[in-house]
Amino acid sequence: MSTTTVTIPGDIVDVYHELGWMLSDLTDVMAEEVKDWRGELRQAIRDWKAGGAEPDWGSFRGWMNDICRDDGMPSLFPDANGI
């Protein structure tokens, strides 16, 4: 199996790590949604590294903004509001 060098957008990396640190402070519902988001992101990056398509970063940004909005929090990706 070959692997590809990938560059993940900095805002995605930052939010991924920040949410990991905040996980225990989130509501149960939001924590589960964040875990799903982080898991899907990890899988998409693994697939990409294995030669698959680059993840749709905009979709990950929009998905996280939806999670935040549903929990009454501000968007973590302000530039993705139009997605």
PDB file of N, CA and C in Angstrom:
ATOM      1  N   MET A   1       0.852  -1.178   0.000  1.00  0.00           N
ATOM      2  CA  MET A   1       0.000   0.000   0.000  1.00  0.00           C
ATOM      3  C   MET A   1       0.894   1.236   0.000  1.00  0.00           C
ATOM      4  N   SER A   2       0.656   2.137  -0.938  1.00  0.00           N
ATOM      5  CA  SER A   2       1.433   3.375  -0.973  1.00  0.00           C
ATOM      6  C   SER A   2       0.722   4.456  -0.186  1.00  0.00           C
ATOM      7  N   THR A   3       1.502   5.378   0.307  1.00  0.00           N
ATOM      8  CA  THR A   3       0.910   6.498   1.032  1.00  0.00           C
ATOM      9  C   THR A   3       1.307   7.781   0.323  1.00  0.00           C
ATOM     10  N   THR A   4       0.452   8.772   0.449  1.00  0.00           N
ATOM     11  CA  THR A   4       0.657  10.060  -0.182  1.00  0.00           C
ATOM     12  C   THR A   4       0.876  11.095   0.913  1.00  0.00           C
ATOM     13  N   THR A   5       1.795  12.034   0.671  1.00  0.00           N
ATOM     14  CA  THR A   5       1.971  13.137   1.602  1.00  0.00           C
ATOM     15  C   THR A   5       0.816  14.114   1.383  1.00  0.00           C
ATOM     16  N   VAL A   6       0.176  14.496   2.458  1.00  0.00           N
ATOM     17  CA  VAL A   6      -0.990  15.381   2.365  1.00  0.00           C
ATOM     18  C   VAL A   6      -0.772  16.608   3.238  1.00  0.00           C
ATOM     19  N   THR A   7      -1.410  17.694   2.857  1.00  0.00           N
ATOM     20  CA  THR A   7      -1.381  18.911   3.661  1.00  0.00           C
ATOM     21  C   THR A   7      -2.811  19.236   4.054  1.00  0.00           C
ATOM     22  N   ILE A   8      -3.082  19.149   5.342  1.00  0.00           N
ATOM     23  CA  ILE A   8      -4.418  19.402   5.871  1.00  0.00           C
ATOM     24  C   ILE A   8      -4.518  20.892   6.197  1.00  0.00           C
ATOM     25  N   PRO A   9      -5.623  21.556   5.810  1.00  0.00           N
ATOM     26  CA  PRO A   9      -5.761  22.981   6.102  1.00  0.00           C
ATOM     27  C   PRO A   9      -5.608  23.269   7.598  1.00  0.00           C
ATOM     28  N   GLY A  10      -4.884  24.343   7.908  1.00  0.00           N
ATOM     29  CA  GLY A  10      -4.595  24.695   9.298  1.00  0.00           C
ATOM     30  C   GLY A  10      -5.827  24.896  10.154  1.00  0.00           C
ATOM     31  N   ASP A  11      -6.890  25.491   9.590  1.00  0.00           N
ATOM     32  CA  ASP A  11      -8.089  25.719  10.397  1.00  0.00           C
ATOM     33  C   ASP A  11      -8.745  24.403  10.793  1.00  0.00           C
ATOM     34  N   ILE A  12      -8.692  23.419   9.913  1.00  0.00           N
ATOM     35  CA  ILE A  12      -9.253  22.093  10.227  1.00  0.00           C
ATOM     36  C   ILE A  12      -8.439  21.456  11.355  1.00  0.00           C
ATOM     37  N   VAL A  13      -7.125  21.510  11.248  1.00  0.00           N
ATOM     38  CA  VAL A  13      -6.246  20.940  12.276  1.00  0.00           C
ATOM     39  C   VAL A  13      -6.499  21.628  13.618  1.00  0.00           C
ATOM     40  N   ASP A  14      -6.558  22.959  13.614  1.00  0.00           N
ATOM     41  CA  ASP A  14      -6.768  23.715  14.857  1.00  0.00           C
ATOM     42  C   ASP A  14      -8.080  23.334  15.528  1.00  0.00           C
ATOM     43  N   VAL A  15      -9.169  23.308  14.763  1.00  0.00           N
ATOM     44  CA  VAL A  15     -10.480  22.985  15.337  1.00  0.00           C
ATOM     45  C   VAL A  15     -10.504  21.538  15.823  1.00  0.00           C
ATOM     46  N   TYR A  16      -9.897  20.628  15.071  1.00  0.00           N
ATOM     47  CA  TYR A  16      -9.834  19.229  15.488  1.00  0.00           C
ATOM     48  C   TYR A  16      -9.196  19.120  16.879  1.00  0.00           C
ATOM     49  N   HIS A  17      -8.053  19.770  17.055  1.00  0.00           N
ATOM     50  CA  HIS A  17      -7.349  19.691  18.336  1.00  0.00           C
ATOM     51  C   HIS A  17      -8.102  20.425  19.455  1.00  0.00           C
ATOM     52  N   GLU A  18      -8.614  21.604  19.166  1.00  0.00           N
ATOM     53  CA  GLU A  18      -9.367  22.360  20.184  1.00  0.00           C
ATOM     54  C   GLU A  18     -10.564  21.561  20.676  1.00  0.00           C
ATOM     55  N   LEU A  19     -11.279  20.936  19.754  1.00  0.00           N
ATOM     56  CA  LEU A  19     -12.447  20.146  20.153  1.00  0.00           C
ATOM     57  C   LEU A  19     -12.049  18.934  20.973  1.00  0.00           C
ATOM     58  N   GLY A  20     -10.913  18.349  20.666  1.00  0.00           N
ATOM     59  CA  GLY A  20     -10.422  17.225  21.463  1.00  0.00           C
ATOM     60  C   GLY A  20     -10.171  17.637  22.906  1.00  0.00           C
ATOM     61  N   TRP A  21      -9.596  18.821  23.067  1.00  0.00           N
ATOM     62  CA  TRP A  21      -9.324  19.314  24.416  1.00  0.00           C
ATOM     63  C   TRP A  21     -10.604  19.695  25.152  1.00  0.00           C
ATOM     64  N   MET A  22     -11.620  20.132  24.419  1.00  0.00           N
ATOM     65  CA  MET A  22     -12.874  20.609  25.029  1.00  0.00           C
ATOM     66  C   MET A  22     -13.916  19.512  25.213  1.00  0.00           C
ATOM     67  N   LEU A  23     -13.664  18.327  24.702  1.00  0.00           N
ATOM     68  CA  LEU A  23     -14.683  17.286  24.630  1.00  0.00           C
ATOM     69  C   LEU A  23     -15.433  17.067  25.942  1.00  0.00           C
ATOM     70  N   SER A  24     -14.717  17.024  27.050  1.00  0.00           N
ATOM     71  CA  SER A  24     -15.377  16.750  28.342  1.00  0.00           C
ATOM     72  C   SER A  24     -16.228  17.924  28.819  1.00  0.00           C
ATOM     73  N   ASP A  25     -16.045  19.109  28.231  1.00  0.00           N
ATOM     74  CA  ASP A  25     -16.828  20.286  28.625  1.00  0.00           C
ATOM     75  C   ASP A  25     -18.081  20.478  27.783  1.00  0.00           C
ATOM     76  N   LEU A  26     -18.237  19.689  26.741  1.00  0.00           N
ATOM     77  CA  LEU A  26     -19.383  19.834  25.843  1.00  0.00           C
ATOM     78  C   LEU A  26     -20.590  19.081  26.381  1.00  0.00           C
ATOM     79  N   THR A  27     -21.777  19.471  25.911  1.00  0.00           N
ATOM     80  CA  THR A  27     -22.972  18.710  26.269  1.00  0.00           C
ATOM     81  C   THR A  27     -22.823  17.297  25.717  1.00  0.00           C
ATOM     82  N   ASP A  28     -23.538  16.355  26.290  1.00  0.00           N
ATOM     83  CA  ASP A  28     -23.447  14.966  25.829  1.00  0.00           C
ATOM     84  C   ASP A  28     -23.765  14.844  24.344  1.00  0.00           C
ATOM     85  N   VAL A  29     -24.817  15.529  23.911  1.00  0.00           N
ATOM     86  CA  VAL A  29     -25.225  15.451  22.506  1.00  0.00           C
ATOM     87  C   VAL A  29     -24.136  16.038  21.615  1.00  0.00           C
ATOM     88  N   MET A  30     -23.629  17.205  21.969  1.00  0.00           N
ATOM     89  CA  MET A  30     -22.608  17.837  21.140  1.00  0.00           C
ATOM     90  C   MET A  30     -21.324  17.003  21.159  1.00  0.00           C
ATOM     91  N   ALA A  31     -20.973  16.440  22.299  1.00  0.00           N
ATOM     92  CA  ALA A  31     -19.766  15.615  22.388  1.00  0.00           C
ATOM     93  C   ALA A  31     -19.856  14.428  21.431  1.00  0.00           C
ATOM     94  N   GLU A  32     -21.018  13.792  21.354  1.00  0.00           N
ATOM     95  CA  GLU A  32     -21.191  12.663  20.438  1.00  0.00           C
ATOM     96  C   GLU A  32     -21.062  13.110  18.988  1.00  0.00           C
ATOM     97  N   GLU A  33     -21.646  14.261  18.671  1.00  0.00           N
ATOM     98  CA  GLU A  33     -21.565  14.779  17.304  1.00  0.00           C
ATOM     99  C   GLU A  33     -20.123  15.139  16.949  1.00  0.00           C
ATOM    100  N   VAL A  34     -19.409  15.721  17.906  1.00  0.00           N
ATOM    101  CA  VAL A  34     -18.005  16.077  17.681  1.00  0.00           C
ATOM    102  C   VAL A  34     -17.172  14.815  17.484  1.00  0.00           C
ATOM    103  N   LYS A  35     -17.438  13.783  18.277  1.00  0.00           N
ATOM    104  CA  LYS A  35     -16.713  12.522  18.107  1.00  0.00           C
ATOM    105  C   LYS A  35     -16.959  11.947  16.716  1.00  0.00           C
ATOM    106  N   ASP A  36     -18.204  12.024  16.241  1.00  0.00           N
ATOM    107  CA  ASP A  36     -18.521  11.546  14.892  1.00  0.00           C
ATOM    108  C   ASP A  36     -17.753  12.355  13.850  1.00  0.00           C
ATOM    109  N   TRP A  37     -17.756  13.680  13.997  1.00  0.00           N
ATOM    110  CA  TRP A  37     -17.061  14.561  13.065  1.00  0.00           C
ATOM    111  C   TRP A  37     -15.570  14.249  13.031  1.00  0.00           C
ATOM    112  N   ARG A  38     -14.982  14.116  14.216  1.00  0.00           N
ATOM    113  CA  ARG A  38     -13.543  13.824  14.292  1.00  0.00           C
ATOM    114  C   ARG A  38     -13.231  12.457  13.683  1.00  0.00           C
ATOM    115  N   GLY A  39     -14.073  11.468  13.934  1.00  0.00           N
ATOM    116  CA  GLY A  39     -13.862  10.139  13.379  1.00  0.00           C
ATOM    117  C   GLY A  39     -13.970  10.128  11.858  1.00  0.00           C
ATOM    118  N   GLU A  40     -14.977  10.807  11.329  1.00  0.00           N
ATOM    119  CA  GLU A  40     -15.137  10.890   9.871  1.00  0.00           C
ATOM    120  C   GLU A  40     -13.958  11.628   9.241  1.00  0.00           C
ATOM    121  N   LEU A  41     -13.481  12.680   9.914  1.00  0.00           N
ATOM    122  CA  LEU A  41     -12.335  13.432   9.413  1.00  0.00           C
ATOM    123  C   LEU A  41     -11.089  12.548   9.382  1.00  0.00           C
ATOM    124  N   ARG A  42     -10.845  11.823  10.471  1.00  0.00           N
ATOM    125  CA  ARG A  42      -9.685  10.921  10.506  1.00  0.00           C
ATOM    126  C   ARG A  42      -9.758   9.895   9.382  1.00  0.00           C
ATOM    127  N   GLN A  43     -10.948   9.319   9.166  1.00  0.00           N
ATOM    128  CA  GLN A  43     -11.107   8.312   8.112  1.00  0.00           C
ATOM    129  C   GLN A  43     -10.884   8.923   6.734  1.00  0.00           C
ATOM    130  N   ALA A  44     -11.418  10.107   6.502  1.00  0.00           N
ATOM    131  CA  ALA A  44     -11.246  10.771   5.206  1.00  0.00           C
ATOM    132  C   ALA A  44      -9.763  11.046   4.935  1.00  0.00           C
ATOM    133  N   ILE A  45      -9.033  11.432   5.973  1.00  0.00           N
ATOM    134  CA  ILE A  45      -7.604  11.710   5.813  1.00  0.00           C
ATOM    135  C   ILE A  45      -6.839  10.414   5.582  1.00  0.00           C
ATOM    136  N   ARG A  46      -7.194   9.340   6.297  1.00  0.00           N
ATOM    137  CA  ARG A  46      -6.554   8.028   6.061  1.00  0.00           C
ATOM    138  C   ARG A  46      -6.772   7.585   4.618  1.00  0.00           C
ATOM    139  N   ASP A  47      -8.002   7.722   4.136  1.00  0.00           N
ATOM    140  CA  ASP A  47      -8.320   7.335   2.759  1.00  0.00           C
ATOM    141  C   ASP A  47      -7.517   8.173   1.769  1.00  0.00           C
ATOM    142  N   TRP A  48      -7.407   9.464   2.032  1.00  0.00           N
ATOM    143  CA  TRP A  48      -6.658  10.371   1.162  1.00  0.00           C
ATOM    144  C   TRP A  48      -5.182   9.979   1.129  1.00  0.00           C
ATOM    145  N   LYS A  49      -4.623   9.700   2.310  1.00  0.00           N
ATOM    146  CA  LYS A  49      -3.219   9.304   2.382  1.00  0.00           C
ATOM    147  C   LYS A  49      -2.960   8.000   1.632  1.00  0.00           C
ATOM    148  N   ALA A  50      -3.970   7.156   1.562  1.00  0.00           N
ATOM    149  CA  ALA A  50      -3.835   5.874   0.875  1.00  0.00           C
ATOM    150  C   ALA A  50      -4.068   6.001  -0.631  1.00  0.00           C
ATOM    151  N   GLY A  51      -4.219   7.242  -1.092  1.00  0.00           N
ATOM    152  CA  GLY A  51      -4.365   7.458  -2.523  1.00  0.00           C
ATOM    153  C   GLY A  51      -5.758   7.825  -2.984  1.00  0.00           C
ATOM    154  N   GLY A  52      -6.670   8.005  -2.056  1.00  0.00           N
ATOM    155  CA  GLY A  52      -8.034   8.390  -2.414  1.00  0.00           C
ATOM    156  C   GLY A  52      -8.139   9.879  -2.692  1.00  0.00           C
ATOM    157  N   ALA A  53      -9.358  10.327  -2.870  1.00  0.00           N
ATOM    158  CA  ALA A  53      -9.618  11.733  -3.173  1.00  0.00           C
ATOM    159  C   ALA A  53      -9.391  12.606  -1.943  1.00  0.00           C
ATOM    160  N   GLU A  54      -8.990  13.844  -2.201  1.00  0.00           N
ATOM    161  CA  GLU A  54      -8.837  14.815  -1.108  1.00  0.00           C
ATOM    162  C   GLU A  54     -10.199  15.056  -0.469  1.00  0.00           C
ATOM    163  N   PRO A  55     -10.255  15.105   0.861  1.00  0.00           N
ATOM    164  CA  PRO A  55     -11.530  15.359   1.535  1.00  0.00           C
ATOM    165  C   PRO A  55     -12.129  16.704   1.109  1.00  0.00           C
ATOM    166  N   ASP A  56     -13.431  16.780   1.187  1.00  0.00           N
ATOM    167  CA  ASP A  56     -14.145  18.033   0.908  1.00  0.00           C
ATOM    168  C   ASP A  56     -14.111  18.870   2.187  1.00  0.00           C
ATOM    169  N   TRP A  57     -13.086  19.697   2.306  1.00  0.00           N
ATOM    170  CA  TRP A  57     -12.885  20.475   3.525  1.00  0.00           C
ATOM    171  C   TRP A  57     -14.081  21.367   3.826  1.00  0.00           C
ATOM    172  N   GLY A  58     -14.683  21.925   2.792  1.00  0.00           N
ATOM    173  CA  GLY A  58     -15.851  22.788   2.988  1.00  0.00           C
ATOM    174  C   GLY A  58     -16.994  22.050   3.651  1.00  0.00           C
ATOM    175  N   SER A  59     -17.178  20.796   3.280  1.00  0.00           N
ATOM    176  CA  SER A  59     -18.244  20.003   3.904  1.00  0.00           C
ATOM    177  C   SER A  59     -17.951  19.766   5.385  1.00  0.00           C
ATOM    178  N   PHE A  60     -16.683  19.502   5.718  1.00  0.00           N
ATOM    179  CA  PHE A  60     -16.337  19.306   7.129  1.00  0.00           C
ATOM    180  C   PHE A  60     -16.541  20.611   7.912  1.00  0.00           C
ATOM    181  N   ARG A  61     -16.180  21.735   7.305  1.00  0.00           N
ATOM    182  CA  ARG A  61     -16.392  23.028   7.970  1.00  0.00           C
ATOM    183  C   ARG A  61     -17.883  23.288   8.182  1.00  0.00           C
ATOM    184  N   GLY A  62     -18.658  23.080   7.135  1.00  0.00           N
ATOM    185  CA  GLY A  62     -20.096  23.310   7.236  1.00  0.00           C
ATOM    186  C   GLY A  62     -20.758  22.392   8.246  1.00  0.00           C
ATOM    187  N   TRP A  63     -20.337  21.127   8.265  1.00  0.00           N
ATOM    188  CA  TRP A  63     -20.886  20.150   9.207  1.00  0.00           C
ATOM    189  C   TRP A  63     -20.609  20.603  10.643  1.00  0.00           C
ATOM    190  N   MET A  64     -19.373  21.040  10.924  1.00  0.00           N
ATOM    191  CA  MET A  64     -19.058  21.482  12.283  1.00  0.00           C
ATOM    192  C   MET A  64     -19.844  22.737  12.629  1.00  0.00           C
ATOM    193  N   ASN A  65     -19.988  23.652  11.697  1.00  0.00           N
ATOM    194  CA  ASN A  65     -20.783  24.848  11.972  1.00  0.00           C
ATOM    195  C   ASN A  65     -22.225  24.480  12.286  1.00  0.00           C
ATOM    196  N   ASP A  66     -22.775  23.476  11.594  1.00  0.00           N
ATOM    197  CA  ASP A  66     -24.134  23.008  11.889  1.00  0.00           C
ATOM    198  C   ASP A  66     -24.213  22.440  13.303  1.00  0.00           C
ATOM    199  N   ILE A  67     -23.214  21.673  13.704  1.00  0.00           N
ATOM    200  CA  ILE A  67     -23.184  21.116  15.064  1.00  0.00           C
ATOM    201  C   ILE A  67     -23.183  22.259  16.083  1.00  0.00           C
ATOM    202  N   CYS A  68     -22.345  23.251  15.850  1.00  0.00           N
ATOM    203  CA  CYS A  68     -22.270  24.393  16.773  1.00  0.00           C
ATOM    204  C   CYS A  68     -23.599  25.139  16.821  1.00  0.00           C
ATOM    205  N   ARG A  69     -24.173  25.419  15.666  1.00  0.00           N
ATOM    206  CA  ARG A  69     -25.433  26.152  15.594  1.00  0.00           C
ATOM    207  C   ARG A  69     -26.535  25.394  16.342  1.00  0.00           C
ATOM    208  N   ASP A  70     -26.593  24.068  16.152  1.00  0.00           N
ATOM    209  CA  ASP A  70     -27.611  23.261  16.822  1.00  0.00           C
ATOM    210  C   ASP A  70     -27.474  23.302  18.335  1.00  0.00           C
ATOM    211  N   ASP A  71     -26.251  23.548  18.830  1.00  0.00           N
ATOM    212  CA  ASP A  71     -26.017  23.592  20.271  1.00  0.00           C
ATOM    213  C   ASP A  71     -25.964  25.024  20.798  1.00  0.00           C
ATOM    214  N   GLY A  72     -26.329  25.997  19.943  1.00  0.00           N
ATOM    215  CA  GLY A  72     -26.379  27.390  20.379  1.00  0.00           C
ATOM    216  C   GLY A  72     -25.011  28.040  20.537  1.00  0.00           C
ATOM    217  N   MET A  73     -24.019  27.527  19.818  1.00  0.00           N
ATOM    218  CA  MET A  73     -22.665  28.077  19.898  1.00  0.00           C
ATOM    219  C   MET A  73     -22.332  28.795  18.587  1.00  0.00           C
ATOM    220  N   PRO A  74     -21.361  29.698  18.641  1.00  0.00           N
ATOM    221  CA  PRO A  74     -20.945  30.368  17.407  1.00  0.00           C
ATOM    222  C   PRO A  74     -20.201  29.400  16.480  1.00  0.00           C
ATOM    223  N   SER A  75     -20.191  29.731  15.213  1.00  0.00           N
ATOM    224  CA  SER A  75     -19.493  28.924  14.212  1.00  0.00           C
ATOM    225  C   SER A  75     -17.999  28.898  14.501  1.00  0.00           C
ATOM    226  N   LEU A  76     -17.377  27.766  14.282  1.00  0.00           N
ATOM    227  CA  LEU A  76     -15.929  27.656  14.431  1.00  0.00           C
ATOM    228  C   LEU A  76     -15.205  27.962  13.131  1.00  0.00           C
ATOM    229  N   PHE A  77     -15.952  27.950  12.028  1.00  0.00           N
ATOM    230  CA  PHE A  77     -15.395  28.260  10.712  1.00  0.00           C
ATOM    231  C   PHE A  77     -16.216  29.409  10.126  1.00  0.00           C
ATOM    232  N   PRO A  78     -15.925  30.654  10.537  1.00  0.00           N
ATOM    233  CA  PRO A  78     -16.730  31.795  10.084  1.00  0.00           C
ATOM    234  C   PRO A  78     -16.796  31.946   8.565  1.00  0.00           C
ATOM    235  N   ASP A  79     -15.730  31.581   7.850  1.00  0.00           N
ATOM    236  CA  ASP A  79     -15.713  31.733   6.399  1.00  0.00           C
ATOM    237  C   ASP A  79     -16.584  30.699   5.692  1.00  0.00           C
ATOM    238  N   ALA A  80     -17.035  29.688   6.423  1.00  0.00           N
ATOM    239  CA  ALA A  80     -17.829  28.610   5.803  1.00  0.00           C
ATOM    240  C   ALA A  80     -19.327  28.834   5.938  1.00  0.00           C
ATOM    241  N   ASN A  81     -19.737  29.996   6.453  1.00  0.00           N
ATOM    242  CA  ASN A  81     -21.163  30.233   6.695  1.00  0.00           C
ATOM    243  C   ASN A  81     -22.014  30.125   5.451  1.00  0.00           C
ATOM    244  N   GLY A  82     -21.442  30.417   4.292  1.00  0.00           N
ATOM    245  CA  GLY A  82     -22.216  30.365   3.065  1.00  0.00           C
ATOM    246  C   GLY A  82     -22.325  28.977   2.459  1.00  0.00           C
ATOM    247  N   ILE A  83     -21.695  27.992   3.075  1.00  0.00           N
ATOM    248  CA  ILE A  83     -21.688  26.638   2.515  1.00  0.00           C
ATOM    249  C   ILE A  83     -22.987  25.926   2.844  1.00  0.00           C
TER     250      ILE A  83
END
